[in-house]
Amino acid sequence: MPTLKLVPMPYPTARLQQWRDKNYRMLTSSGASEYLKKILVLKAKERPGTRRFFGEAYVATKIAHQEGYYGSFKWLTSAKFIDGGKFSNGPTRKYKEQFRDALQHHFTKLQLRRLQQSAHRLRGRKPVPPDLWLIDRRGNHRFIEVKLPGDRLGPQQLAGLAAIACCLPGKQRVSVEIIELHAGGVSESDKRRLRKLCQRSRRAGQSKRRAGRPPAS
């Protein structure tokens, strides 16, 4: 029986502000896949000053993966992701091609056809694919929808997760999940301040113990 995981994840508000300020080092200096680093920065630069694509970028830096892809293409319904049709020219064309290559490497065309057939049968709720597809070293496939505070899961997004959960698992281990980001993570500056306070506290304790010792005879 397919299950949908709901995972809360805190993030430091300073990271979000850096993203809005066009500082993408959080992602580019991380262990995220090169594919995600390039496409998420590209997408963020198209909409500077907003929080768009921050959630995907942050989650990609927090979950270790061997392969990672941006999933918000129409791969649940477009035959081009199965039959090798030509994508229209544009800045994301090569990323769609790479995504298609990865799909066809990890899943059979039969699986992908069944997936799209199932998606087309969901009338009135055309499935929307989730934000991220991460593959870990054990071969687990995690399809993740990322939600920032104030975002809601739409019926089309839920339909997309359901179609993936029901049609893609075979020999592959496939999970679908929603990661809800919430402010409140500890920033690096907070960690540094905490370390300094701990050091001061230890030094103060050591000084107090020395002061309380009787003089040496």
N, C-alpha and C. Protein backbone atom coordinates (compact mmCIF):
# COMPACT_ATOMS: atom_id res chain seq x y z
N MET A 1 0.85 -1.20 0.00
CA MET A 1 0.00 0.00 0.00
C MET A 1 0.89 1.25 0.00
N PRO A 2 0.79 2.11 -1.01
CA PRO A 2 1.62 3.31 -1.06
C PRO A 2 1.33 4.23 0.12
N THR A 3 2.39 4.84 0.63
CA THR A 3 2.24 5.77 1.74
C THR A 3 2.84 7.13 1.36
N LEU A 4 2.30 8.16 1.96
CA LEU A 4 2.78 9.52 1.73
C LEU A 4 3.41 10.02 3.02
N LYS A 5 4.69 10.35 2.96
CA LYS A 5 5.40 10.83 4.15
C LYS A 5 5.27 12.34 4.26
N LEU A 6 5.08 12.81 5.48
CA LEU A 6 5.07 14.24 5.75
C LEU A 6 6.22 14.52 6.71
N VAL A 7 7.20 15.29 6.23
CA VAL A 7 8.43 15.51 6.99
C VAL A 7 8.61 17.00 7.29
N PRO A 8 8.61 17.40 8.56
CA PRO A 8 8.91 18.80 8.89
C PRO A 8 10.42 19.03 8.86
N MET A 9 10.85 20.19 8.43
CA MET A 9 12.27 20.51 8.37
C MET A 9 12.47 22.00 8.66
N PRO A 10 13.24 22.33 9.68
CA PRO A 10 13.49 23.75 9.98
C PRO A 10 14.55 24.33 9.05
N TYR A 11 14.49 25.64 8.85
CA TYR A 11 15.53 26.32 8.08
C TYR A 11 15.87 27.63 8.77
N PRO A 12 17.12 28.06 8.70
CA PRO A 12 17.49 29.36 9.29
C PRO A 12 16.96 30.49 8.41
N THR A 13 16.35 31.47 9.02
CA THR A 13 15.81 32.59 8.24
C THR A 13 16.91 33.33 7.50
N ALA A 14 18.14 33.29 8.04
CA ALA A 14 19.26 33.97 7.38
C ALA A 14 19.52 33.37 6.00
N ARG A 15 19.31 32.07 5.88
CA ARG A 15 19.52 31.42 4.58
C ARG A 15 18.52 31.93 3.54
N LEU A 16 17.29 32.10 3.96
CA LEU A 16 16.27 32.61 3.04
C LEU A 16 16.61 34.02 2.60
N GLN A 17 17.06 34.85 3.53
CA GLN A 17 17.40 36.22 3.16
C GLN A 17 18.59 36.25 2.20
N GLN A 18 19.56 35.38 2.41
CA GLN A 18 20.70 35.29 1.49
C GLN A 18 20.22 34.93 0.09
N TRP A 19 19.28 34.01 0.03
CA TRP A 19 18.74 33.59 -1.28
C TRP A 19 18.06 34.76 -1.96
N ARG A 20 17.28 35.52 -1.21
CA ARG A 20 16.62 36.70 -1.78
C ARG A 20 17.63 37.75 -2.23
N ASP A 21 18.78 37.78 -1.56
CA ASP A 21 19.83 38.74 -1.91
C ASP A 21 20.74 38.23 -3.04
N LYS A 22 20.31 37.16 -3.71
CA LYS A 22 21.04 36.58 -4.84
C LYS A 22 22.37 35.94 -4.42
N ASN A 23 22.44 35.55 -3.16
CA ASN A 23 23.61 34.81 -2.68
C ASN A 23 23.24 33.33 -2.67
N TYR A 24 23.78 32.58 -3.62
CA TYR A 24 23.38 31.18 -3.78
C TYR A 24 24.44 30.20 -3.27
N ARG A 25 25.38 30.69 -2.46
CA ARG A 25 26.46 29.82 -1.97
C ARG A 25 25.93 28.65 -1.16
N MET A 26 24.82 28.84 -0.48
CA MET A 26 24.22 27.73 0.26
C MET A 26 24.11 26.50 -0.61
N LEU A 27 23.71 26.70 -1.86
CA LEU A 27 23.53 25.60 -2.79
C LEU A 27 24.82 25.27 -3.54
N THR A 28 25.47 26.28 -4.09
CA THR A 28 26.61 26.02 -4.98
C THR A 28 27.80 25.42 -4.26
N SER A 29 27.93 25.67 -2.95
CA SER A 29 29.05 25.11 -2.19
C SER A 29 28.66 23.83 -1.45
N SER A 30 27.48 23.31 -1.72
CA SER A 30 26.98 22.13 -1.02
C SER A 30 27.32 20.86 -1.79
N GLY A 31 26.87 19.73 -1.23
CA GLY A 31 27.07 18.45 -1.90
C GLY A 31 25.93 18.06 -2.82
N ALA A 32 25.05 19.00 -3.15
CA ALA A 32 23.94 18.72 -4.07
C ALA A 32 24.48 18.39 -5.45
N SER A 33 23.68 17.72 -6.25
CA SER A 33 24.12 17.36 -7.61
C SER A 33 24.39 18.61 -8.45
N GLU A 34 25.30 18.46 -9.40
CA GLU A 34 25.62 19.58 -10.28
C GLU A 34 24.38 20.00 -11.07
N TYR A 35 23.56 19.04 -11.42
CA TYR A 35 22.32 19.33 -12.15
C TYR A 35 21.46 20.31 -11.35
N LEU A 36 21.26 20.00 -10.06
CA LEU A 36 20.41 20.86 -9.23
C LEU A 36 21.06 22.22 -9.00
N LYS A 37 22.36 22.23 -8.81
CA LYS A 37 23.04 23.52 -8.60
C LYS A 37 22.82 24.44 -9.78
N LYS A 38 22.96 23.91 -10.97
CA LYS A 38 22.87 24.75 -12.17
C LYS A 38 21.44 25.19 -12.46
N ILE A 39 20.50 24.26 -12.43
CA ILE A 39 19.15 24.63 -12.84
C ILE A 39 18.45 25.48 -11.78
N LEU A 40 18.68 25.22 -10.51
CA LEU A 40 18.00 26.02 -9.48
C LEU A 40 18.53 27.45 -9.42
N VAL A 41 19.83 27.62 -9.64
CA VAL A 41 20.37 28.97 -9.72
C VAL A 41 19.83 29.68 -10.96
N LEU A 42 19.77 28.95 -12.07
CA LEU A 42 19.20 29.52 -13.29
C LEU A 42 17.77 29.97 -13.07
N LYS A 43 16.95 29.13 -12.45
CA LYS A 43 15.56 29.48 -12.21
C LYS A 43 15.44 30.64 -11.23
N ALA A 44 16.28 30.65 -10.19
CA ALA A 44 16.22 31.73 -9.20
C ALA A 44 16.59 33.07 -9.81
N LYS A 45 17.54 33.07 -10.73
CA LYS A 45 17.96 34.33 -11.36
C LYS A 45 16.86 34.90 -12.25
N GLU A 46 15.94 34.05 -12.70
CA GLU A 46 14.82 34.53 -13.50
C GLU A 46 13.83 35.30 -12.64
N ARG A 47 13.82 35.01 -11.33
CA ARG A 47 12.89 35.68 -10.41
C ARG A 47 13.65 36.16 -9.17
N PRO A 48 14.56 37.11 -9.34
CA PRO A 48 15.38 37.57 -8.22
C PRO A 48 14.56 38.28 -7.15
N GLY A 49 15.07 38.22 -5.93
CA GLY A 49 14.42 38.93 -4.84
C GLY A 49 13.25 38.22 -4.21
N THR A 50 12.93 37.02 -4.69
CA THR A 50 11.81 36.26 -4.14
C THR A 50 12.33 35.01 -3.43
N ARG A 51 11.41 34.27 -2.84
CA ARG A 51 11.81 33.02 -2.19
C ARG A 51 11.64 31.81 -3.11
N ARG A 52 11.29 32.07 -4.37
CA ARG A 52 11.10 30.97 -5.30
C ARG A 52 12.37 30.14 -5.42
N PHE A 53 12.20 28.83 -5.40
CA PHE A 53 13.25 27.83 -5.57
C PHE A 53 14.18 27.73 -4.36
N PHE A 54 13.94 28.55 -3.33
CA PHE A 54 14.73 28.40 -2.10
C PHE A 54 14.45 27.05 -1.45
N GLY A 55 13.17 26.67 -1.38
CA GLY A 55 12.81 25.42 -0.72
C GLY A 55 13.49 24.23 -1.37
N GLU A 56 13.43 24.15 -2.70
CA GLU A 56 14.06 23.05 -3.41
C GLU A 56 15.56 23.03 -3.15
N ALA A 57 16.16 24.23 -3.20
CA ALA A 57 17.61 24.33 -3.00
C ALA A 57 18.00 23.91 -1.59
N TYR A 58 17.24 24.38 -0.60
CA TYR A 58 17.59 24.07 0.79
C TYR A 58 17.47 22.57 1.05
N VAL A 59 16.39 21.96 0.61
CA VAL A 59 16.20 20.52 0.83
C VAL A 59 17.31 19.73 0.12
N ALA A 60 17.69 20.17 -1.07
CA ALA A 60 18.75 19.48 -1.81
C ALA A 60 20.07 19.51 -1.07
N THR A 61 20.29 20.56 -0.26
CA THR A 61 21.54 20.64 0.50
C THR A 61 21.47 19.81 1.78
N LYS A 62 20.28 19.46 2.23
CA LYS A 62 20.14 18.76 3.51
C LYS A 62 19.98 17.25 3.36
N ILE A 63 19.59 16.79 2.19
CA ILE A 63 19.39 15.35 1.98
C ILE A 63 20.48 14.83 1.05
N ALA A 64 21.31 13.93 1.57
CA ALA A 64 22.40 13.38 0.77
C ALA A 64 21.84 12.58 -0.39
N HIS A 65 22.41 12.75 -1.56
CA HIS A 65 21.95 12.01 -2.73
C HIS A 65 23.10 11.79 -3.72
N GLN A 66 22.97 10.72 -4.47
CA GLN A 66 23.95 10.40 -5.50
C GLN A 66 23.56 11.07 -6.82
N GLU A 67 22.27 11.11 -7.08
CA GLU A 67 21.72 11.82 -8.23
C GLU A 67 20.57 12.69 -7.75
N GLY A 68 20.44 13.87 -8.33
CA GLY A 68 19.35 14.75 -7.94
C GLY A 68 18.87 15.56 -9.12
N TYR A 69 17.54 15.65 -9.28
CA TYR A 69 16.95 16.31 -10.43
C TYR A 69 15.80 17.22 -10.00
N TYR A 70 15.66 18.30 -10.74
CA TYR A 70 14.52 19.20 -10.58
C TYR A 70 13.36 18.58 -11.34
N GLY A 71 12.23 18.36 -10.65
CA GLY A 71 11.18 17.55 -11.23
C GLY A 71 10.00 18.28 -11.83
N SER A 72 9.99 19.61 -11.77
CA SER A 72 8.79 20.33 -12.19
C SER A 72 8.71 20.54 -13.70
N PHE A 73 8.87 19.46 -14.44
CA PHE A 73 8.58 19.44 -15.87
C PHE A 73 7.29 18.64 -16.07
N LYS A 74 6.78 18.61 -17.29
CA LYS A 74 5.51 17.91 -17.53
C LYS A 74 5.73 16.44 -17.87
N TRP A 75 6.62 15.81 -17.11
CA TRP A 75 7.00 14.44 -17.44
C TRP A 75 5.93 13.40 -17.08
N LEU A 76 4.95 13.78 -16.29
CA LEU A 76 3.87 12.85 -15.97
C LEU A 76 2.85 12.72 -17.09
N THR A 77 2.85 13.68 -18.02
CA THR A 77 1.83 13.67 -19.08
C THR A 77 2.39 13.83 -20.49
N SER A 78 3.59 14.34 -20.63
CA SER A 78 4.15 14.57 -21.96
C SER A 78 4.84 13.33 -22.51
N ALA A 79 4.42 12.90 -23.71
CA ALA A 79 5.01 11.72 -24.34
C ALA A 79 6.48 11.93 -24.71
N LYS A 80 6.93 13.17 -24.77
CA LYS A 80 8.33 13.45 -25.13
C LYS A 80 9.30 12.83 -24.14
N PHE A 81 8.85 12.63 -22.92
CA PHE A 81 9.74 12.05 -21.92
C PHE A 81 9.83 10.53 -22.06
N ILE A 82 9.06 9.97 -23.01
CA ILE A 82 9.13 8.54 -23.27
C ILE A 82 9.63 8.25 -24.68
N ASP A 83 9.05 8.95 -25.66
CA ASP A 83 9.36 8.60 -27.06
C ASP A 83 10.55 9.35 -27.64
N GLY A 84 11.15 10.23 -26.85
CA GLY A 84 12.34 10.93 -27.34
C GLY A 84 12.04 12.09 -28.26
N GLY A 85 10.84 12.64 -28.19
CA GLY A 85 10.50 13.80 -29.02
C GLY A 85 11.36 15.00 -28.69
N LYS A 86 11.37 15.96 -29.58
CA LYS A 86 12.24 17.13 -29.43
C LYS A 86 11.56 18.17 -28.54
N PHE A 87 12.30 18.65 -27.56
CA PHE A 87 11.81 19.71 -26.70
C PHE A 87 12.02 21.06 -27.39
N SER A 88 11.17 22.01 -27.07
CA SER A 88 11.32 23.34 -27.66
C SER A 88 12.59 24.01 -27.12
N ASN A 89 13.15 24.88 -27.94
CA ASN A 89 14.36 25.59 -27.54
C ASN A 89 14.08 26.49 -26.34
N GLY A 90 15.07 26.64 -25.50
CA GLY A 90 14.93 27.48 -24.32
C GLY A 90 16.03 27.14 -23.33
N PRO A 91 16.15 27.93 -22.28
CA PRO A 91 17.24 27.72 -21.31
C PRO A 91 17.15 26.40 -20.54
N THR A 92 15.96 25.79 -20.49
CA THR A 92 15.83 24.54 -19.73
C THR A 92 15.80 23.29 -20.63
N ARG A 93 15.98 23.48 -21.92
CA ARG A 93 15.89 22.34 -22.83
C ARG A 93 16.86 21.22 -22.46
N LYS A 94 18.13 21.56 -22.22
CA LYS A 94 19.13 20.53 -21.92
C LYS A 94 18.82 19.82 -20.60
N TYR A 95 18.19 20.56 -19.67
CA TYR A 95 17.85 19.94 -18.39
C TYR A 95 16.69 18.96 -18.55
N LYS A 96 15.76 19.27 -19.44
CA LYS A 96 14.69 18.33 -19.74
C LYS A 96 15.24 17.06 -20.39
N GLU A 97 16.20 17.24 -21.28
CA GLU A 97 16.80 16.10 -21.94
C GLU A 97 17.55 15.22 -20.94
N GLN A 98 18.27 15.85 -20.02
CA GLN A 98 18.99 15.09 -19.00
C GLN A 98 18.02 14.38 -18.06
N PHE A 99 16.93 15.05 -17.74
CA PHE A 99 15.91 14.44 -16.89
C PHE A 99 15.32 13.22 -17.59
N ARG A 100 15.01 13.36 -18.88
CA ARG A 100 14.46 12.23 -19.65
C ARG A 100 15.44 11.06 -19.68
N ASP A 101 16.72 11.36 -19.89
CA ASP A 101 17.74 10.30 -19.92
C ASP A 101 17.78 9.56 -18.58
N ALA A 102 17.67 10.31 -17.48
CA ALA A 102 17.68 9.69 -16.16
C ALA A 102 16.44 8.82 -15.95
N LEU A 103 15.29 9.31 -16.36
CA LEU A 103 14.06 8.53 -16.23
C LEU A 103 14.18 7.20 -16.97
N GLN A 104 14.67 7.26 -18.20
CA GLN A 104 14.75 6.06 -19.02
C GLN A 104 15.87 5.13 -18.57
N HIS A 105 16.82 5.67 -17.82
CA HIS A 105 17.88 4.83 -17.27
C HIS A 105 17.38 4.05 -16.05
N HIS A 106 16.59 4.70 -15.22
CA HIS A 106 16.17 4.08 -13.96
C HIS A 106 14.85 3.34 -14.05
N PHE A 107 14.01 3.68 -15.03
CA PHE A 107 12.71 3.03 -15.15
C PHE A 107 12.52 2.53 -16.58
N THR A 108 11.71 1.49 -16.73
CA THR A 108 11.45 0.97 -18.07
C THR A 108 10.40 1.82 -18.77
N LYS A 109 10.38 1.73 -20.09
CA LYS A 109 9.37 2.47 -20.83
C LYS A 109 7.97 1.98 -20.49
N LEU A 110 7.86 0.69 -20.16
CA LEU A 110 6.56 0.16 -19.75
C LEU A 110 6.07 0.84 -18.48
N GLN A 111 6.96 0.99 -17.51
CA GLN A 111 6.60 1.68 -16.28
C GLN A 111 6.17 3.12 -16.56
N LEU A 112 6.94 3.80 -17.40
CA LEU A 112 6.65 5.20 -17.69
C LEU A 112 5.35 5.35 -18.47
N ARG A 113 5.07 4.42 -19.38
CA ARG A 113 3.81 4.48 -20.12
C ARG A 113 2.62 4.26 -19.19
N ARG A 114 2.75 3.29 -18.29
CA ARG A 114 1.67 3.04 -17.33
C ARG A 114 1.45 4.26 -16.44
N LEU A 115 2.54 4.90 -16.08
CA LEU A 115 2.45 6.10 -15.26
C LEU A 115 1.66 7.19 -15.99
N GLN A 116 2.01 7.44 -17.24
CA GLN A 116 1.33 8.49 -17.99
C GLN A 116 -0.12 8.12 -18.29
N GLN A 117 -0.38 6.86 -18.54
CA GLN A 117 -1.77 6.43 -18.76
C GLN A 117 -2.60 6.67 -17.50
N SER A 118 -2.02 6.36 -16.35
CA SER A 118 -2.72 6.59 -15.09
C SER A 118 -2.95 8.08 -14.87
N ALA A 119 -1.95 8.88 -15.21
CA ALA A 119 -2.07 10.33 -15.03
C ALA A 119 -3.17 10.91 -15.92
N HIS A 120 -3.26 10.43 -17.14
CA HIS A 120 -4.28 10.94 -18.07
C HIS A 120 -5.69 10.53 -17.64
N ARG A 121 -5.81 9.42 -16.90
CA ARG A 121 -7.13 8.97 -16.47
C ARG A 121 -7.69 9.80 -15.32
N LEU A 122 -6.82 10.55 -14.66
CA LEU A 122 -7.28 11.38 -13.55
C LEU A 122 -7.91 12.66 -14.09
N ARG A 123 -9.09 12.55 -14.61
CA ARG A 123 -9.76 13.67 -15.26
C ARG A 123 -10.08 14.79 -14.26
N GLY A 124 -9.87 16.00 -14.72
CA GLY A 124 -10.16 17.15 -13.88
C GLY A 124 -9.07 17.48 -12.89
N ARG A 125 -8.13 16.56 -12.73
CA ARG A 125 -7.02 16.80 -11.80
C ARG A 125 -5.73 16.37 -12.49
N LYS A 126 -5.36 17.09 -13.51
CA LYS A 126 -4.15 16.76 -14.25
C LYS A 126 -2.96 16.76 -13.30
N PRO A 127 -2.31 15.63 -13.11
CA PRO A 127 -1.26 15.54 -12.10
C PRO A 127 -0.08 16.46 -12.39
N VAL A 128 0.41 17.08 -11.34
CA VAL A 128 1.59 17.93 -11.41
C VAL A 128 2.72 17.20 -10.70
N PRO A 129 3.89 17.08 -11.32
CA PRO A 129 4.99 16.36 -10.68
C PRO A 129 5.59 17.14 -9.51
N PRO A 130 6.21 16.43 -8.57
CA PRO A 130 6.81 17.10 -7.41
C PRO A 130 8.10 17.83 -7.77
N ASP A 131 8.59 18.62 -6.83
CA ASP A 131 9.72 19.51 -7.07
C ASP A 131 11.04 18.78 -7.31
N LEU A 132 11.29 17.73 -6.54
CA LEU A 132 12.60 17.09 -6.56
C LEU A 132 12.49 15.58 -6.74
N TRP A 133 13.50 15.05 -7.40
CA TRP A 133 13.70 13.60 -7.50
C TRP A 133 15.13 13.34 -7.07
N LEU A 134 15.28 12.69 -5.89
CA LEU A 134 16.60 12.41 -5.35
C LEU A 134 16.81 10.91 -5.27
N ILE A 135 18.00 10.47 -5.64
CA ILE A 135 18.36 9.05 -5.61
C ILE A 135 19.56 8.90 -4.70
N ASP A 136 19.42 8.11 -3.63
CA ASP A 136 20.54 7.97 -2.71
C ASP A 136 21.45 6.81 -3.11
N ARG A 137 22.50 6.59 -2.32
CA ARG A 137 23.50 5.59 -2.67
C ARG A 137 22.95 4.17 -2.63
N ARG A 138 21.86 3.96 -1.93
CA ARG A 138 21.25 2.64 -1.86
C ARG A 138 20.26 2.40 -2.99
N GLY A 139 20.09 3.39 -3.84
CA GLY A 139 19.17 3.24 -4.96
C GLY A 139 17.74 3.59 -4.63
N ASN A 140 17.49 4.24 -3.49
CA ASN A 140 16.14 4.67 -3.14
C ASN A 140 15.79 5.93 -3.93
N HIS A 141 14.60 5.94 -4.50
CA HIS A 141 14.11 7.08 -5.28
C HIS A 141 13.12 7.86 -4.42
N ARG A 142 13.47 9.11 -4.13
CA ARG A 142 12.61 9.95 -3.29
C ARG A 142 12.05 11.08 -4.14
N PHE A 143 10.74 11.08 -4.31
CA PHE A 143 10.06 12.15 -5.03
C PHE A 143 9.45 13.08 -3.98
N ILE A 144 9.89 14.34 -4.00
CA ILE A 144 9.62 15.25 -2.89
C ILE A 144 8.94 16.53 -3.36
N GLU A 145 7.85 16.85 -2.72
CA GLU A 145 7.20 18.15 -2.89
C GLU A 145 7.60 19.01 -1.69
N VAL A 146 8.14 20.19 -1.96
CA VAL A 146 8.63 21.07 -0.90
C VAL A 146 7.64 22.21 -0.69
N LYS A 147 7.32 22.44 0.57
CA LYS A 147 6.38 23.51 0.91
C LYS A 147 7.02 24.47 1.91
N LEU A 148 6.98 25.75 1.57
CA LEU A 148 7.41 26.80 2.48
C LEU A 148 6.22 27.26 3.32
N PRO A 149 6.47 27.97 4.42
CA PRO A 149 5.35 28.44 5.24
C PRO A 149 4.32 29.21 4.41
N GLY A 150 3.06 28.85 4.57
CA GLY A 150 1.99 29.50 3.82
C GLY A 150 1.59 28.78 2.56
N ASP A 151 2.43 27.85 2.08
CA ASP A 151 2.10 27.07 0.88
C ASP A 151 1.16 25.92 1.25
N ARG A 152 0.31 25.57 0.31
CA ARG A 152 -0.59 24.44 0.51
C ARG A 152 -0.42 23.41 -0.60
N LEU A 153 -0.68 22.17 -0.28
CA LEU A 153 -0.63 21.11 -1.28
C LEU A 153 -1.92 21.13 -2.08
N GLY A 154 -1.80 21.35 -3.39
CA GLY A 154 -2.96 21.38 -4.26
C GLY A 154 -3.39 20.00 -4.69
N PRO A 155 -4.64 19.83 -5.13
CA PRO A 155 -5.13 18.51 -5.56
C PRO A 155 -4.34 17.94 -6.73
N GLN A 156 -3.84 18.80 -7.63
CA GLN A 156 -3.05 18.31 -8.75
C GLN A 156 -1.70 17.79 -8.30
N GLN A 157 -1.14 18.43 -7.29
CA GLN A 157 0.14 17.96 -6.75
C GLN A 157 -0.04 16.62 -6.03
N LEU A 158 -1.12 16.50 -5.29
CA LEU A 158 -1.41 15.24 -4.61
C LEU A 158 -1.64 14.12 -5.63
N ALA A 159 -2.33 14.46 -6.72
CA ALA A 159 -2.57 13.47 -7.77
C ALA A 159 -1.24 13.01 -8.39
N GLY A 160 -0.30 13.94 -8.57
CA GLY A 160 1.01 13.57 -9.12
C GLY A 160 1.76 12.63 -8.21
N LEU A 161 1.75 12.91 -6.91
CA LEU A 161 2.41 12.02 -5.95
C LEU A 161 1.76 10.65 -5.93
N ALA A 162 0.42 10.62 -6.03
CA ALA A 162 -0.31 9.35 -6.01
C ALA A 162 0.03 8.51 -7.24
N ALA A 163 0.08 9.15 -8.41
CA ALA A 163 0.39 8.42 -9.64
C ALA A 163 1.78 7.80 -9.56
N ILE A 164 2.76 8.56 -9.06
CA ILE A 164 4.12 8.05 -8.93
C ILE A 164 4.17 6.88 -7.94
N ALA A 165 3.52 7.03 -6.79
CA ALA A 165 3.55 6.00 -5.76
C ALA A 165 2.92 4.70 -6.23
N CYS A 166 1.90 4.80 -7.08
CA CYS A 166 1.18 3.61 -7.53
C CYS A 166 1.80 2.93 -8.74
N CYS A 167 2.48 3.70 -9.59
CA CYS A 167 2.90 3.17 -10.88
C CYS A 167 4.40 2.94 -11.04
N LEU A 168 5.22 3.65 -10.33
CA LEU A 168 6.67 3.52 -10.56
C LEU A 168 7.35 2.40 -9.77
N PRO A 169 6.92 2.12 -8.54
CA PRO A 169 7.64 1.07 -7.81
C PRO A 169 7.63 -0.27 -8.54
N GLY A 170 8.77 -0.90 -8.59
CA GLY A 170 8.92 -2.24 -9.15
C GLY A 170 10.10 -2.83 -8.42
N LYS A 171 11.18 -3.05 -9.14
CA LYS A 171 12.42 -3.42 -8.47
C LYS A 171 12.99 -2.22 -7.72
N GLN A 172 12.61 -1.03 -8.17
CA GLN A 172 13.09 0.20 -7.54
C GLN A 172 12.32 0.48 -6.25
N ARG A 173 13.02 1.05 -5.29
CA ARG A 173 12.38 1.48 -4.04
C ARG A 173 12.01 2.95 -4.21
N VAL A 174 10.71 3.21 -4.24
CA VAL A 174 10.20 4.55 -4.54
C VAL A 174 9.38 5.06 -3.37
N SER A 175 9.62 6.28 -2.97
CA SER A 175 8.80 6.90 -1.93
C SER A 175 8.35 8.28 -2.40
N VAL A 176 7.21 8.71 -1.90
CA VAL A 176 6.71 10.06 -2.18
C VAL A 176 6.55 10.76 -0.84
N GLU A 177 6.92 12.03 -0.82
CA GLU A 177 6.87 12.73 0.46
C GLU A 177 6.70 14.23 0.28
N ILE A 178 6.19 14.84 1.32
CA ILE A 178 6.06 16.29 1.39
C ILE A 178 6.99 16.76 2.50
N ILE A 179 7.87 17.68 2.19
CA ILE A 179 8.72 18.28 3.21
C ILE A 179 8.21 19.69 3.47
N GLU A 180 7.79 19.91 4.70
CA GLU A 180 7.27 21.22 5.10
C GLU A 180 8.38 21.99 5.81
N LEU A 181 8.84 23.05 5.19
CA LEU A 181 9.87 23.87 5.80
C LEU A 181 9.25 24.87 6.76
N HIS A 182 9.91 25.10 7.86
CA HIS A 182 9.43 26.10 8.81
C HIS A 182 10.62 26.84 9.40
N ALA A 183 10.44 28.14 9.61
CA ALA A 183 11.51 28.96 10.16
C ALA A 183 11.80 28.51 11.58
N GLY A 184 13.06 28.64 11.96
CA GLY A 184 13.42 28.26 13.32
C GLY A 184 14.67 27.45 13.39
N GLY A 185 15.27 27.17 12.26
CA GLY A 185 16.54 26.48 12.26
C GLY A 185 17.62 27.35 12.87
N VAL A 186 18.66 26.73 13.36
CA VAL A 186 19.76 27.46 14.00
C VAL A 186 20.75 27.91 12.94
N SER A 187 21.07 29.20 12.93
CA SER A 187 22.01 29.73 11.95
C SER A 187 23.44 29.45 12.39
N GLU A 188 24.37 29.58 11.44
CA GLU A 188 25.78 29.37 11.76
C GLU A 188 26.27 30.39 12.77
N SER A 189 25.79 31.63 12.67
CA SER A 189 26.21 32.65 13.64
C SER A 189 25.71 32.30 15.04
N ASP A 190 24.50 31.74 15.13
CA ASP A 190 23.99 31.31 16.42
C ASP A 190 24.85 30.19 16.99
N LYS A 191 25.28 29.27 16.12
CA LYS A 191 26.13 28.17 16.58
C LYS A 191 27.47 28.70 17.10
N ARG A 192 28.03 29.70 16.39
CA ARG A 192 29.30 30.27 16.84
C ARG A 192 29.14 30.96 18.19
N ARG A 193 28.04 31.70 18.34
CA ARG A 193 27.80 32.37 19.62
C ARG A 193 27.64 31.36 20.75
N LEU A 194 26.96 30.25 20.43
CA LEU A 194 26.77 29.22 21.44
C LEU A 194 28.11 28.60 21.86
N ARG A 195 28.98 28.34 20.89
CA ARG A 195 30.29 27.77 21.20
C ARG A 195 31.10 28.72 22.09
N LYS A 196 31.06 30.02 21.76
CA LYS A 196 31.80 31.01 22.56
C LYS A 196 31.28 31.07 23.98
N LEU A 197 29.94 31.03 24.13
CA LEU A 197 29.36 31.07 25.47
C LEU A 197 29.74 29.83 26.28
N CYS A 198 29.79 28.68 25.59
CA CYS A 198 30.18 27.44 26.27
C CYS A 198 31.63 27.53 26.74
N GLN A 199 32.49 28.08 25.87
CA GLN A 199 33.90 28.23 26.23
C GLN A 199 34.05 29.15 27.43
N ARG A 200 33.32 30.28 27.42
CA ARG A 200 33.38 31.21 28.55
C ARG A 200 32.89 30.56 29.83
N SER A 201 31.82 29.76 29.69
CA SER A 201 31.26 29.10 30.86
C SER A 201 32.25 28.11 31.45
N ARG A 202 32.95 27.35 30.57
CA ARG A 202 33.94 26.40 31.06
C ARG A 202 35.08 27.12 31.76
N ARG A 203 35.56 28.22 31.13
CA ARG A 203 36.67 28.97 31.73
C ARG A 203 36.27 29.55 33.09
N ALA A 204 35.02 30.06 33.15
CA ALA A 204 34.54 30.61 34.42
C ALA A 204 34.48 29.53 35.49
N GLY A 205 34.02 28.31 35.09
CA GLY A 205 33.95 27.21 36.05
C GLY A 205 35.33 26.78 36.53
N GLN A 206 36.29 26.76 35.62
CA GLN A 206 37.65 26.38 35.99
C GLN A 206 38.26 27.41 36.94
N SER A 207 38.02 28.71 36.67
CA SER A 207 38.55 29.77 37.53
C SER A 207 37.95 29.68 38.92
N LYS A 208 36.67 29.36 38.99
CA LYS A 208 35.99 29.26 40.28
C LYS A 208 36.54 28.11 41.10
N ARG A 209 36.83 26.98 40.40
CA ARG A 209 37.36 25.83 41.12
C ARG A 209 38.76 26.14 41.65
N ARG A 210 39.57 26.84 40.83
CA ARG A 210 40.92 27.19 41.28
C ARG A 210 40.87 28.14 42.46
N ALA A 211 39.92 29.09 42.42
CA ALA A 211 39.80 30.06 43.51
C ALA A 211 39.39 29.38 44.81
N GLY A 212 38.67 28.28 44.69
CA GLY A 212 38.19 27.62 45.91
C GLY A 212 39.17 26.63 46.50
N ARG A 213 40.29 26.38 45.84
CA ARG A 213 41.26 25.43 46.36
C ARG A 213 42.05 26.06 47.52
N PRO A 214 42.39 25.25 48.52
CA PRO A 214 43.23 25.76 49.62
C PRO A 214 44.64 26.04 49.12
N PRO A 215 45.33 27.02 49.69
CA PRO A 215 46.68 27.30 49.25
C PRO A 215 47.61 26.12 49.45
N ALA A 216 48.55 25.96 48.55
CA ALA A 216 49.49 24.84 48.65
C ALA A 216 50.40 25.04 49.85
N SER A 217 50.67 23.93 50.59
CA SER A 217 51.54 24.03 51.77
C SER A 217 53.00 24.00 51.38
